[in-house]
Amino acid sequence: MISQSRTPAGILRTLTAILCLAAILMSVTGSSAWAAPRVVRVVGIQDGISDSQADYFRRTIAELNDLTEDRIFVTRPIPAASSLDLNAYQGLDFAIVSPRVFALLERYNGFIPMASLSVDIPDCEPGAELRPVVSALVFATPDADEDGLAKPHLSDIAGETVTVVKGDEVDTTFLLQNELSSRRLAPVKVRVASDGGTPSEIIRRAVERGDKLFAVSTDLLRETSSDLFSGFVKVDMRVDDETGLVSSVTPMPGRVFAAGLSVARMGLLEFAATLFALDIAPDIHWVRPADYRSVHLAAERMRDPVYMSYQKKTLLEEMREHAAWVILAAAILIGMIWHSVAAERLVRRRSAELMETVKRQQASERQFEALERMTAVSQMLNIVAHELRQPLAAVTNFAMGVRRRIANGTLTADSLEFALGRILAENERASDIVEHVRDYARKRRQITPVDLTQMSAKVVSSMRASNARVSFESEVPAGLFVEGDSLEIELVLRNLVKNAGESAAQADGVPRVVLAGERIGDEVVITVTDNGPVRTKAEIDAFLVPLRSEKSGGLGLGLAIVRRIIEAYGGTIVFDVVEPQGVRVEARLPARPDL
């Protein structure tokens, strides 16, 4: 048999049962079970002093959550201490704030007003239009003045200290300072009382403490007992013509329900209409948004520090704000400029002095070189004179010999030929010596192999003849050659031996000078040792200093010339002390390469 449930009639009955069950479930759970999830909107509520207003805000959010199906509103409290910090409003979709805070949000965070809070004003003028406003009142104790007089006008409290209750200070201070600024009066000093307890208790303790002046907002005044300020003097109380509000200062728009940039602008009118339609409390309700331009104008006129701190400052304002740093930077800059100018002038003056010094030094060096050259030439002339004496003497001797033979009648052709040959040879030798001197004077050295053995013997022999008191000895081995100009090499040896002889002559005992030489590697080492007086290191170091001489009338150029000649050949000269007394000079010259 075929089951009855599988017949067309059975299938139809099953589908009907399923549809009925679905209808029942939908009626139980509601249509929201099938709707899209609700969008979360965050509403920041600035803490205030009015408990009734705080309760009204909570009830407003609760009503909105009940009336809207596509959004859910959650609240975030904004503490009074951070209410003026724009960072506290980051991530908010809506904000319920006081007028001073809204001016910041509107100017710098792009919030726009949707509704303003209107609170019924008690004892207002009959027929006055009710508007969403807030203001402040100033009270003075009867003994506020030192003379016991009352302070009925704001001009009497300018510059004084005024006490405000914590939580009420944000807008109350703003309203009072704005009124004083608009009247061109000095701002007051504000003292925030925060002793704990209710506002009434805080004010009573402040009076007991001796505070004389108090400022409260109209919102706070509604929350306190009517006899709290009984016996106080009302300062500059007047009725506002537009709002009928009794206060000491010019009123401003009240609290505002504002929308941030994250909220789409389409649909805000409908949302605002929903706020206007709420019927939560008989004396508090949302109305069309007020004009908050007066708050901006007040902040700019009195240059509210919080309001201006977020504003992009001009260069002049930045300079005024940081005047101390600007002055310091300007002083540093002026100092740097002055230092630069002074340093440039000093550099120019020093450079001019240095150039003048260099010029004088160059002139002195030229004079010294000329003097040194003259001294060297003078010494070489002595050498040349000595060298010329021999060929000239030989020429004279041969000439006189020819004359004698002519007188005796013994002159033969062979003897005449011999004499003339010798005279010509000696004359050629003298010409060579003169030409050598001329070349040297023209700074053209004649570099030839110089036999130090032969030249040392000649120099020692010459020194013996000129200074017989000193014992001169030559210990230069045979075959010792250097490459150089013979005149310069002889000048070096003569100066060293001559100075050693003069030093040895000053000592006690037998003065002795030894000229020695040897080849060490690629160098020829020439030493001159004397047994003169004991010398100090400072005296030894001064030997090679030009224009310093121990001899009376000496120029001190002899050893300087020696040093220059030796260094010109790439050699060195060193002076050292000999024990127990005397000086040893060591001169090193390049040896002849092929020997």
Protein backbone atom coordinates (compact mmCIF):
# COMPACT_ATOMS: atom_id res chain seq x y z
CA MET A 1 0.00 0.00 0.00
CA ILE A 2 1.02 3.51 -0.69
CA SER A 3 1.39 5.63 2.45
CA GLN A 4 -1.28 8.26 2.83
CA SER A 5 1.34 10.95 3.68
CA ARG A 6 2.88 10.57 0.27
CA THR A 7 -0.32 11.24 -1.67
CA PRO A 8 -0.80 14.70 -3.20
CA ALA A 9 -3.36 15.50 -0.56
CA GLY A 10 -0.95 14.54 2.22
CA ILE A 11 1.88 16.63 0.81
CA LEU A 12 -0.46 19.62 0.58
CA ARG A 13 -1.50 19.22 4.19
CA THR A 14 2.20 19.05 5.26
CA LEU A 15 3.11 22.29 3.43
CA THR A 16 0.13 24.02 4.95
CA ALA A 17 1.26 23.02 8.44
CA ILE A 18 4.77 24.31 7.80
CA LEU A 19 3.49 27.71 6.60
CA CYS A 20 1.26 28.05 9.64
CA LEU A 21 4.16 27.26 11.96
CA ALA A 22 6.35 29.93 10.24
CA ALA A 23 3.57 32.53 10.61
CA ILE A 24 3.29 31.74 14.30
CA LEU A 25 7.08 32.11 14.80
CA MET A 26 7.11 35.44 13.00
CA SER A 27 4.32 36.77 15.11
CA VAL A 28 6.15 35.72 18.27
CA THR A 29 9.65 36.99 17.46
CA GLY A 30 8.61 40.11 15.56
CA SER A 31 9.81 41.44 12.29
CA SER A 32 13.11 42.57 13.81
CA ALA A 33 14.43 39.04 13.67
CA TRP A 34 14.53 39.32 9.90
CA ALA A 35 15.76 42.95 9.76
CA ALA A 36 19.33 44.08 9.18
CA PRO A 37 21.50 44.73 12.30
CA ARG A 38 21.16 48.21 13.84
CA VAL A 39 23.98 50.75 13.32
CA VAL A 40 25.67 51.85 16.53
CA ARG A 41 25.92 55.60 17.01
CA VAL A 42 28.05 57.06 19.83
CA VAL A 43 26.72 60.13 21.62
CA GLY A 44 29.15 62.08 23.81
CA ILE A 45 27.47 63.88 26.70
CA GLN A 46 29.44 66.63 28.46
CA ASP A 47 29.16 66.40 32.24
CA GLY A 48 27.31 69.38 33.72
CA ILE A 49 26.18 70.76 37.00
CA SER A 50 22.45 70.23 36.40
CA ASP A 51 21.09 66.86 37.50
CA SER A 52 17.75 67.51 35.83
CA GLN A 53 19.41 68.18 32.49
CA ALA A 54 21.62 65.08 32.83
CA ASP A 55 18.50 62.99 33.47
CA TYR A 56 16.81 64.60 30.47
CA PHE A 57 19.74 63.65 28.22
CA ARG A 58 19.62 60.02 29.38
CA ARG A 59 15.90 59.84 28.75
CA THR A 60 16.40 61.42 25.33
CA ILE A 61 18.80 58.66 24.30
CA ALA A 62 16.46 56.01 25.66
CA GLU A 63 13.53 57.48 23.67
CA LEU A 64 15.65 57.58 20.49
CA ASN A 65 16.56 53.91 20.89
CA ASP A 66 12.87 53.07 21.21
CA LEU A 67 11.82 55.13 18.20
CA THR A 68 14.51 54.20 15.68
CA GLU A 69 14.81 50.72 14.25
CA ASP A 70 17.96 51.11 12.15
CA ARG A 71 20.22 52.70 14.80
CA ILE A 72 21.16 52.18 18.39
CA PHE A 73 22.56 55.03 20.44
CA VAL A 74 25.20 54.51 23.12
CA THR A 75 26.51 57.28 25.35
CA ARG A 76 30.01 58.25 26.30
CA PRO A 77 30.41 60.71 29.19
CA ILE A 78 32.83 63.60 28.65
CA PRO A 79 34.28 64.62 32.04
CA ALA A 80 34.28 68.34 32.81
CA ALA A 81 38.07 68.28 33.24
CA SER A 82 38.57 67.23 29.59
CA SER A 83 35.52 68.95 28.08
CA LEU A 84 37.70 71.56 26.33
CA ASP A 85 40.09 68.97 24.88
CA LEU A 86 39.05 68.16 21.31
CA ASN A 87 40.78 64.78 21.53
CA ALA A 88 38.04 63.69 23.94
CA TYR A 89 35.51 63.95 21.09
CA GLN A 90 37.30 61.69 18.64
CA GLY A 91 35.12 58.83 17.37
CA LEU A 92 31.81 60.51 18.31
CA ASP A 93 28.84 60.60 15.96
CA PHE A 94 26.83 63.03 18.07
CA ALA A 95 27.57 65.31 21.04
CA ILE A 96 25.43 67.05 23.65
CA VAL A 97 27.61 69.91 24.87
CA SER A 98 27.58 73.43 26.25
CA PRO A 99 27.86 76.48 23.94
CA ARG A 100 31.54 77.10 24.60
CA VAL A 101 32.45 73.49 23.77
CA PHE A 102 30.18 73.48 20.71
CA ALA A 103 31.99 76.55 19.35
CA LEU A 104 35.19 74.48 19.40
CA LEU A 105 33.55 71.44 17.81
CA GLU A 106 31.82 73.49 15.12
CA ARG A 107 34.95 75.47 14.25
CA TYR A 108 37.58 72.75 14.36
CA ASN A 109 35.79 69.35 14.15
CA GLY A 110 32.97 70.13 11.69
CA PHE A 111 30.01 69.46 14.00
CA ILE A 112 26.68 71.05 13.10
CA PRO A 113 23.75 71.87 15.46
CA MET A 114 20.54 69.82 15.17
CA ALA A 115 18.67 71.03 18.25
CA SER A 116 19.17 73.37 21.18
CA LEU A 117 18.04 72.73 24.75
CA SER A 118 15.31 75.06 25.97
CA VAL A 119 14.63 75.36 29.69
CA ASP A 120 11.64 77.34 30.89
CA ILE A 121 12.67 80.57 32.59
CA PRO A 122 10.86 81.18 35.88
CA ASP A 123 9.67 84.68 36.70
CA CYS A 124 10.33 85.93 33.17
CA GLU A 125 8.63 88.99 31.81
CA PRO A 126 5.04 88.33 30.68
CA GLY A 127 4.79 87.69 26.95
CA ALA A 128 8.56 87.19 26.53
CA GLU A 129 9.57 84.66 23.91
CA LEU A 130 11.18 81.62 25.47
CA ARG A 131 14.55 80.83 23.92
CA PRO A 132 17.30 78.25 24.53
CA VAL A 133 19.72 80.37 26.52
CA VAL A 134 22.16 80.15 29.39
CA SER A 135 23.62 82.97 31.43
CA ALA A 136 25.44 83.66 34.68
CA LEU A 137 24.75 85.55 37.86
CA VAL A 138 27.27 87.17 40.20
CA PHE A 139 26.68 87.45 43.93
CA ALA A 140 28.75 89.25 46.55
CA THR A 141 28.74 88.79 50.30
CA PRO A 142 27.61 91.89 52.20
CA ASP A 143 31.18 92.49 53.43
CA ALA A 144 32.80 91.95 50.01
CA ASP A 145 34.27 95.44 50.01
CA GLU A 146 37.04 96.31 52.45
CA ASP A 147 35.03 99.36 53.49
CA GLY A 148 31.93 97.28 54.10
CA LEU A 149 30.19 98.61 50.98
CA ALA A 150 28.32 96.45 48.50
CA LYS A 151 29.56 95.76 44.95
CA PRO A 152 26.49 96.35 42.78
CA HIS A 153 28.35 96.69 39.46
CA LEU A 154 30.68 94.46 37.44
CA SER A 155 33.18 97.30 37.27
CA ASP A 156 33.55 96.91 41.04
CA ILE A 157 34.68 93.30 40.76
CA ALA A 158 37.06 93.71 37.76
CA GLY A 159 40.40 92.12 38.64
CA GLU A 160 39.00 90.50 41.81
CA THR A 161 38.85 86.77 42.62
CA VAL A 162 35.52 85.10 41.88
CA THR A 163 34.60 81.61 43.09
CA VAL A 164 32.83 79.14 40.77
CA VAL A 165 31.64 75.61 41.50
CA LYS A 166 33.50 72.72 39.90
CA GLY A 167 31.47 71.38 37.00
CA ASP A 168 29.92 74.78 36.36
CA GLU A 169 33.15 76.60 35.56
CA VAL A 170 33.45 75.98 31.80
CA ASP A 171 30.61 78.22 30.59
CA THR A 172 30.16 80.38 33.69
CA THR A 173 33.75 81.63 33.47
CA PHE A 174 33.36 82.15 29.70
CA LEU A 175 30.15 84.17 30.14
CA LEU A 176 31.61 86.36 32.88
CA GLN A 177 34.92 87.06 31.17
CA ASN A 178 33.09 87.84 27.91
CA GLU A 179 30.91 90.42 29.66
CA LEU A 180 33.94 92.07 31.26
CA SER A 181 35.79 92.05 27.92
CA SER A 182 32.83 93.63 26.09
CA ARG A 183 32.81 96.43 28.72
CA ARG A 184 36.59 96.74 28.45
CA LEU A 185 37.06 95.81 32.09
CA ALA A 186 39.90 93.81 33.55
CA PRO A 187 39.24 90.04 33.69
CA VAL A 188 38.60 88.41 37.05
CA LYS A 189 40.68 85.73 38.67
CA VAL A 190 38.71 82.50 38.92
CA ARG A 191 38.86 80.13 41.86
CA VAL A 192 37.22 76.72 41.30
CA ALA A 193 35.68 75.33 44.49
CA SER A 194 35.69 71.53 44.57
CA ASP A 195 35.36 70.51 48.21
CA GLY A 196 32.89 67.71 47.47
CA GLY A 197 29.21 67.47 48.19
CA THR A 198 26.33 69.24 46.50
CA PRO A 199 26.77 72.65 44.87
CA SER A 200 24.91 74.25 47.78
CA GLU A 201 27.26 72.66 50.30
CA ILE A 202 30.31 73.73 48.25
CA ILE A 203 29.13 77.34 48.19
CA ARG A 204 28.37 77.38 51.93
CA ARG A 205 31.85 76.08 52.75
CA ALA A 206 33.38 78.70 50.44
CA VAL A 207 31.47 81.43 52.31
CA GLU A 208 32.69 80.05 55.63
CA ARG A 209 36.22 80.03 54.24
CA GLY A 210 35.93 83.74 53.48
CA ASP A 211 35.24 83.86 49.74
CA LYS A 212 33.52 87.16 48.84
CA LEU A 213 32.40 86.83 45.20
CA PHE A 214 30.53 83.98 43.49
CA ALA A 215 29.46 83.33 39.89
CA VAL A 216 26.89 80.66 39.01
CA SER A 217 25.13 79.70 35.82
CA THR A 218 21.38 79.88 35.45
CA ASP A 219 21.45 76.08 35.10
CA LEU A 220 23.11 75.73 38.52
CA LEU A 221 20.82 78.28 40.11
CA ARG A 222 17.81 76.15 39.20
CA GLU A 223 19.37 73.18 41.04
CA THR A 224 19.99 75.01 44.34
CA SER A 225 17.67 76.08 47.09
CA SER A 226 16.06 79.48 46.72
CA ASP A 227 17.53 80.79 49.99
CA LEU A 228 21.17 79.84 49.17
CA PHE A 229 22.12 83.39 48.21
CA SER A 230 19.73 85.04 50.65
CA GLY A 231 21.41 88.14 52.03
CA PHE A 232 23.94 88.30 49.17
CA VAL A 233 24.29 91.38 47.01
CA LYS A 234 23.26 90.81 43.39
CA VAL A 235 25.90 92.29 41.10
CA ASP A 236 24.59 94.11 38.03
CA MET A 237 21.37 92.12 37.85
CA ARG A 238 19.19 92.97 34.87
CA VAL A 239 16.48 91.45 32.67
CA ASP A 240 17.49 90.52 29.13
CA ASP A 241 15.12 92.18 26.66
CA GLU A 242 15.09 89.27 24.21
CA THR A 243 14.81 86.32 26.55
CA GLY A 244 13.42 87.76 29.78
CA LEU A 245 16.23 86.05 31.65
CA VAL A 246 17.48 87.75 34.82
CA SER A 247 21.28 87.62 35.04
CA SER A 248 24.47 89.65 35.44
CA VAL A 249 25.84 89.05 31.96
CA THR A 250 24.66 88.83 28.36
CA PRO A 251 23.03 85.42 27.76
CA MET A 252 24.21 82.94 25.16
CA PRO A 253 22.57 79.95 23.45
CA GLY A 254 22.21 76.92 25.69
CA ARG A 255 23.27 73.32 25.28
CA VAL A 256 23.15 71.78 21.83
CA PHE A 257 22.61 68.34 20.29
CA ALA A 258 25.18 68.32 17.44
CA ALA A 259 26.07 65.86 14.69
CA GLY A 260 29.64 65.07 13.65
CA LEU A 261 31.13 64.54 10.22
CA SER A 262 30.64 60.77 10.42
CA VAL A 263 26.86 61.24 10.25
CA ALA A 264 25.31 61.53 6.78
CA ARG A 265 23.73 64.96 6.31
CA MET A 266 20.72 63.45 4.56
CA GLY A 267 18.09 62.57 7.11
CA LEU A 268 19.31 65.00 9.81
CA LEU A 269 16.15 67.12 9.44
CA GLU A 270 14.02 64.06 10.11
CA PHE A 271 16.23 63.18 13.07
CA ALA A 272 15.94 66.74 14.41
CA ALA A 273 12.16 66.61 14.02
CA THR A 274 12.17 63.46 16.13
CA LEU A 275 14.04 65.39 18.86
CA PHE A 276 11.53 68.26 18.69
CA ALA A 277 8.65 65.82 19.11
CA LEU A 278 10.00 64.22 22.27
CA ASP A 279 7.81 64.91 25.32
CA ILE A 280 9.99 63.95 28.24
CA ALA A 281 9.78 66.80 30.77
CA PRO A 282 7.32 69.68 31.06
CA ASP A 283 9.95 72.42 31.48
CA ILE A 284 12.82 71.05 29.29
CA HIS A 285 12.59 70.26 25.61
CA TRP A 286 14.55 70.30 22.36
CA VAL A 287 13.90 73.19 19.98
CA ARG A 288 15.22 74.49 16.70
CA PRO A 289 18.99 75.14 16.93
CA ALA A 290 19.98 78.63 18.06
CA ASP A 291 22.49 80.89 16.36
CA TYR A 292 25.86 80.19 17.96
CA ARG A 293 27.76 82.88 16.07
CA SER A 294 27.68 85.07 19.17
CA VAL A 295 29.76 82.42 20.98
CA HIS A 296 32.40 82.47 18.22
CA LEU A 297 32.48 86.28 18.25
CA ALA A 298 32.88 86.32 22.03
CA ALA A 299 35.74 83.79 21.92
CA GLU A 300 37.55 85.77 19.26
CA ARG A 301 36.94 89.16 20.89
CA MET A 302 38.34 88.19 24.25
CA ARG A 303 40.85 85.84 22.61
CA ASP A 304 39.78 82.85 24.63
CA PRO A 305 43.02 80.88 25.15
CA VAL A 306 41.37 77.49 24.52
CA TYR A 307 39.54 78.67 21.41
CA MET A 308 42.61 80.41 20.00
CA SER A 309 44.96 77.52 20.79
CA TYR A 310 43.35 75.36 18.08
CA GLN A 311 43.32 78.16 15.56
CA LYS A 312 46.08 78.31 12.98
CA LYS A 313 48.17 81.25 14.06
CA THR A 314 49.71 83.85 11.85
CA LEU A 315 53.42 84.43 11.94
CA LEU A 316 52.93 87.57 13.99
CA GLU A 317 50.75 85.70 16.51
CA GLU A 318 53.30 82.92 16.78
CA MET A 319 55.99 85.50 17.42
CA ARG A 320 53.87 87.22 20.08
CA GLU A 321 53.06 83.91 21.76
CA HIS A 322 56.70 82.90 21.88
CA ALA A 323 58.09 86.39 22.34
CA ALA A 324 60.79 85.26 24.77
CA TRP A 325 62.10 82.63 22.35
CA VAL A 326 61.82 85.04 19.43
CA ILE A 327 63.82 87.65 21.33
CA LEU A 328 66.37 85.02 22.29
CA ALA A 329 66.62 83.76 18.70
CA ALA A 330 66.90 87.34 17.41
CA ALA A 331 69.59 88.07 19.96
CA ILE A 332 71.47 84.93 18.96
CA LEU A 333 71.06 85.78 15.27
CA ILE A 334 72.24 89.35 15.82
CA GLY A 335 75.10 88.02 17.90
CA MET A 336 76.04 85.57 15.16
CA ILE A 337 75.86 88.33 12.52
CA TRP A 338 77.91 90.66 14.70
CA HIS A 339 80.36 87.86 15.43
CA SER A 340 80.56 87.04 11.73
CA VAL A 341 81.20 90.67 10.80
CA ALA A 342 83.69 91.09 13.64
CA ALA A 343 85.37 87.80 12.75
CA GLU A 344 85.55 88.80 9.09
CA ARG A 345 87.10 92.13 10.03
CA LEU A 346 89.49 90.40 12.37
CA VAL A 347 90.38 87.85 9.69
CA ARG A 348 90.97 90.63 7.20
CA ARG A 349 93.13 92.52 9.68
CA ARG A 350 95.00 89.39 10.67
CA SER A 351 95.38 88.41 7.02
CA ALA A 352 96.76 91.84 6.20
CA GLU A 353 99.13 91.61 9.17
CA LEU A 354 100.09 88.09 8.13
CA MET A 355 100.69 89.18 4.54
CA GLU A 356 102.80 92.06 5.80
CA THR A 357 104.69 89.65 8.06
CA VAL A 358 105.17 87.24 5.17
CA LYS A 359 106.43 90.06 2.98
CA ARG A 360 108.85 91.18 5.69
CA GLN A 361 109.92 87.58 6.22
CA GLN A 362 110.43 87.09 2.49
CA ALA A 363 112.43 90.31 2.35
CA SER A 364 114.48 89.16 5.35
CA GLU A 365 115.01 85.78 3.71
CA ARG A 366 116.16 87.48 0.52
CA GLN A 367 118.50 89.69 2.54
CA PHE A 368 119.72 86.67 4.46
CA GLU A 369 120.25 84.69 1.27
CA ALA A 370 122.10 87.61 -0.23
CA LEU A 371 124.22 87.94 2.91
CA GLU A 372 124.76 84.21 3.02
CA ARG A 373 125.70 84.25 -0.65
CA MET A 374 128.12 87.11 -0.10
CA THR A 375 129.65 85.26 2.83
CA ALA A 376 129.94 82.09 0.77
CA VAL A 377 131.45 84.02 -2.12
CA SER A 378 133.83 85.74 0.29
CA GLN A 379 134.95 82.41 1.67
CA MET A 380 135.25 80.99 -1.81
CA LEU A 381 137.33 83.98 -2.88
CA ASN A 382 139.78 83.04 -0.18
CA ILE A 383 139.83 79.53 -1.58
CA VAL A 384 140.22 80.88 -5.12
CA ALA A 385 142.94 83.26 -4.04
CA HIS A 386 144.76 80.35 -2.47
CA GLU A 387 144.23 78.27 -5.61
CA LEU A 388 145.37 81.09 -7.92
CA ARG A 389 148.43 81.78 -5.82
CA GLN A 390 150.11 78.58 -6.97
CA PRO A 391 149.73 79.02 -10.78
CA LEU A 392 150.54 82.72 -10.52
CA ALA A 393 153.62 81.97 -8.43
CA ALA A 394 154.67 79.34 -10.95
CA VAL A 395 154.19 81.81 -13.83
CA THR A 396 156.25 84.40 -11.93
CA ASN A 397 159.02 81.90 -11.20
CA PHE A 398 159.29 80.74 -14.82
CA ALA A 399 159.16 84.33 -16.11
CA MET A 400 161.95 85.37 -13.69
CA GLY A 401 163.96 82.28 -14.65
CA VAL A 402 163.75 83.24 -18.32
CA ARG A 403 164.81 86.79 -17.42
CA ARG A 404 167.83 85.54 -15.45
CA ARG A 405 168.91 83.26 -18.29
CA ILE A 406 168.61 86.14 -20.75
CA ALA A 407 170.78 88.26 -18.45
CA ASN A 408 173.35 85.44 -18.08
CA GLY A 409 173.22 84.60 -21.74
CA THR A 410 172.36 80.99 -20.98
CA LEU A 411 168.86 81.01 -22.47
CA THR A 412 168.47 78.31 -25.04
CA ALA A 413 165.60 77.55 -27.36
CA ASP A 414 164.75 74.36 -25.45
CA SER A 415 164.73 76.09 -22.05
CA LEU A 416 162.62 78.94 -23.44
CA GLU A 417 160.20 76.45 -24.97
CA PHE A 418 159.91 74.60 -21.66
CA ALA A 419 159.37 77.81 -19.68
CA LEU A 420 156.73 79.10 -22.07
CA GLY A 421 154.92 75.74 -21.97
CA ARG A 422 154.80 75.78 -18.19
CA ILE A 423 153.63 79.41 -18.17
CA LEU A 424 150.82 78.57 -20.58
CA ALA A 425 149.86 75.49 -18.56
CA GLU A 426 149.70 77.44 -15.29
CA ASN A 427 147.78 80.22 -17.02
CA GLU A 428 145.24 77.67 -18.29
CA ARG A 429 144.93 76.28 -14.77
CA ALA A 430 144.24 79.79 -13.41
CA SER A 431 141.65 80.36 -16.16
CA ASP A 432 139.90 77.13 -15.20
CA ILE A 433 139.75 78.28 -11.58
CA VAL A 434 138.29 81.67 -12.55
CA GLU A 435 135.74 80.05 -14.90
CA HIS A 436 134.70 77.65 -12.13
CA VAL A 437 134.05 80.60 -9.82
CA ARG A 438 132.07 82.39 -12.54
CA ASP A 439 129.91 79.31 -13.12
CA TYR A 440 129.24 78.95 -9.42
CA ALA A 441 128.30 82.62 -9.16
CA ARG A 442 125.78 81.97 -11.93
CA LYS A 443 124.41 79.05 -9.87
CA ARG A 444 125.78 76.46 -12.26
CA ARG A 445 127.48 73.72 -10.30
CA GLN A 446 130.23 71.62 -11.84
CA ILE A 447 129.43 68.17 -10.47
CA THR A 448 132.53 66.03 -10.70
CA PRO A 449 134.12 63.26 -8.62
CA VAL A 450 135.90 64.96 -5.70
CA ASP A 451 138.88 63.21 -4.09
CA LEU A 452 138.28 63.72 -0.36
CA THR A 453 141.69 62.33 0.54
CA GLN A 454 143.54 64.93 -1.51
CA MET A 455 141.17 67.76 -0.57
CA SER A 456 141.33 66.91 3.16
CA ALA A 457 145.12 66.96 3.07
CA LYS A 458 145.09 70.36 1.34
CA VAL A 459 142.62 71.84 3.82
CA VAL A 460 144.52 70.50 6.85
CA SER A 461 147.78 71.81 5.45
CA SER A 462 146.23 75.24 4.91
CA MET A 463 144.84 75.27 8.47
CA ARG A 464 148.27 74.33 9.92
CA ALA A 465 149.83 77.26 8.13
CA SER A 466 147.24 79.72 9.41
CA ASN A 467 146.96 78.41 12.97
CA ALA A 468 150.17 76.80 14.18
CA ARG A 469 148.97 76.60 17.80
CA VAL A 470 146.39 73.89 16.99
CA SER A 471 147.28 70.37 15.96
CA PHE A 472 145.39 69.49 12.76
CA GLU A 473 145.32 65.87 11.61
CA SER A 474 143.76 64.16 8.58
CA GLU A 475 142.66 60.53 8.84
CA VAL A 476 140.82 60.24 5.53
CA PRO A 477 141.68 56.97 3.76
CA ALA A 478 142.89 56.96 0.18
CA GLY A 479 140.38 56.48 -2.64
CA LEU A 480 137.43 58.16 -0.88
CA PHE A 481 135.34 60.09 -3.42
CA VAL A 482 132.06 62.02 -3.41
CA GLU A 483 130.03 63.52 -6.25
CA GLY A 484 129.81 67.31 -6.03
CA ASP A 485 131.21 70.71 -6.82
CA SER A 486 134.79 70.90 -5.66
CA LEU A 487 134.44 74.51 -4.50
CA GLU A 488 131.40 73.63 -2.32
CA ILE A 489 133.03 70.49 -0.89
CA GLU A 490 136.20 72.44 -0.06
CA LEU A 491 134.08 75.20 1.49
CA VAL A 492 132.36 72.64 3.71
CA LEU A 493 135.66 71.09 4.88
CA ARG A 494 137.33 74.46 5.48
CA ASN A 495 134.41 75.78 7.55
CA LEU A 496 134.14 72.63 9.68
CA VAL A 497 137.90 72.38 10.31
CA LYS A 498 138.27 76.14 10.86
CA ASN A 499 135.42 76.25 13.43
CA ALA A 500 136.77 73.16 15.18
CA GLY A 501 140.21 74.77 15.37
CA GLU A 502 138.81 77.98 16.87
CA SER A 503 136.82 75.93 19.43
CA ALA A 504 139.84 73.77 20.37
CA ALA A 505 142.00 76.87 20.86
CA GLN A 506 139.71 77.92 23.74
CA ALA A 507 140.45 74.77 25.80
CA ASP A 508 143.28 74.10 28.20
CA GLY A 509 146.05 71.76 27.15
CA VAL A 510 147.08 70.94 23.58
CA PRO A 511 144.30 71.89 21.14
CA ARG A 512 143.67 69.15 18.63
CA VAL A 513 141.40 68.72 15.57
CA VAL A 514 140.99 65.45 13.68
CA LEU A 515 139.40 65.28 10.20
CA ALA A 516 138.32 61.74 9.33
CA GLY A 517 136.21 60.01 6.73
CA GLU A 518 134.85 56.62 5.73
CA ARG A 519 132.34 55.09 3.37
CA ILE A 520 129.25 53.41 4.88
CA GLY A 521 126.95 51.92 2.28
CA ASP A 522 125.96 54.56 -0.26
CA GLU A 523 127.18 57.43 1.92
CA VAL A 524 130.52 59.02 2.80
CA VAL A 525 130.70 60.00 6.45
CA ILE A 526 133.00 62.95 7.25
CA THR A 527 133.72 63.66 10.92
CA VAL A 528 135.55 66.60 12.49
CA THR A 529 136.38 66.21 16.20
CA ASP A 530 137.94 68.76 18.53
CA ASN A 531 138.87 68.82 22.22
CA GLY A 532 137.44 72.26 22.86
CA PRO A 533 135.54 73.38 25.97
CA VAL A 534 132.55 71.50 27.41
CA ARG A 535 129.33 72.35 25.55
CA THR A 536 125.72 72.14 26.62
CA LYS A 537 122.93 70.73 24.48
CA ALA A 538 121.48 74.22 23.96
CA GLU A 539 124.86 75.51 22.72
CA ILE A 540 125.17 72.57 20.33
CA ASP A 541 121.65 73.20 18.94
CA ALA A 542 122.50 76.88 18.37
CA PHE A 543 125.48 76.11 16.09
CA LEU A 544 123.34 75.89 12.97
CA VAL A 545 121.11 78.90 13.78
CA PRO A 546 121.87 81.70 11.31
CA LEU A 547 123.07 85.09 12.53
CA ARG A 548 124.20 83.71 15.89
CA SER A 549 127.94 83.61 16.47
CA GLU A 550 130.22 83.18 19.47
CA LYS A 551 132.96 85.15 17.77
CA SER A 552 133.17 88.91 18.14
CA GLY A 553 132.13 90.49 14.82
CA GLY A 554 131.05 87.10 13.40
CA LEU A 555 127.83 86.76 11.43
CA GLY A 556 127.09 83.15 12.32
CA LEU A 557 126.68 82.21 8.63
CA GLY A 558 129.55 79.77 8.17
CA LEU A 559 127.84 76.67 9.56
CA ALA A 560 124.50 77.75 8.07
CA ILE A 561 126.15 77.78 4.64
CA VAL A 562 127.66 74.35 5.35
CA ARG A 563 124.27 72.95 6.30
CA ARG A 564 122.60 74.35 3.16
CA ILE A 565 125.28 72.92 0.89
CA ILE A 566 125.14 69.47 2.52
CA GLU A 567 121.33 69.35 2.42
CA ALA A 568 121.40 70.46 -1.23
CA TYR A 569 123.22 67.19 -1.98
CA GLY A 570 120.67 65.19 0.05
CA GLY A 571 123.02 64.82 3.00
CA THR A 572 122.76 65.57 6.72
CA ILE A 573 124.90 67.23 9.37
CA VAL A 574 124.78 66.48 13.12
CA PHE A 575 126.62 68.01 16.09
CA ASP A 576 127.25 66.01 19.23
CA VAL A 577 129.11 66.38 22.53
CA VAL A 578 132.34 64.44 23.07
CA GLU A 579 133.30 63.16 26.51
CA PRO A 580 135.00 64.51 28.52
CA GLN A 581 135.06 67.67 26.40
CA GLY A 582 134.82 68.84 22.84
CA VAL A 583 132.45 68.58 19.89
CA ARG A 584 132.06 66.05 17.12
CA VAL A 585 130.54 67.02 13.76
CA GLU A 586 129.25 64.30 11.47
CA ALA A 587 128.41 65.20 7.84
CA ARG A 588 126.94 62.60 5.47
CA LEU A 589 127.17 62.98 1.67
CA PRO A 590 126.20 60.61 -1.13
CA ALA A 591 129.17 58.50 -2.23
CA ARG A 592 130.28 58.31 -5.87
CA PRO A 593 128.05 55.59 -7.40
CA ASP A 594 130.73 53.83 -9.47
CA LEU A 595 133.26 53.49 -6.71
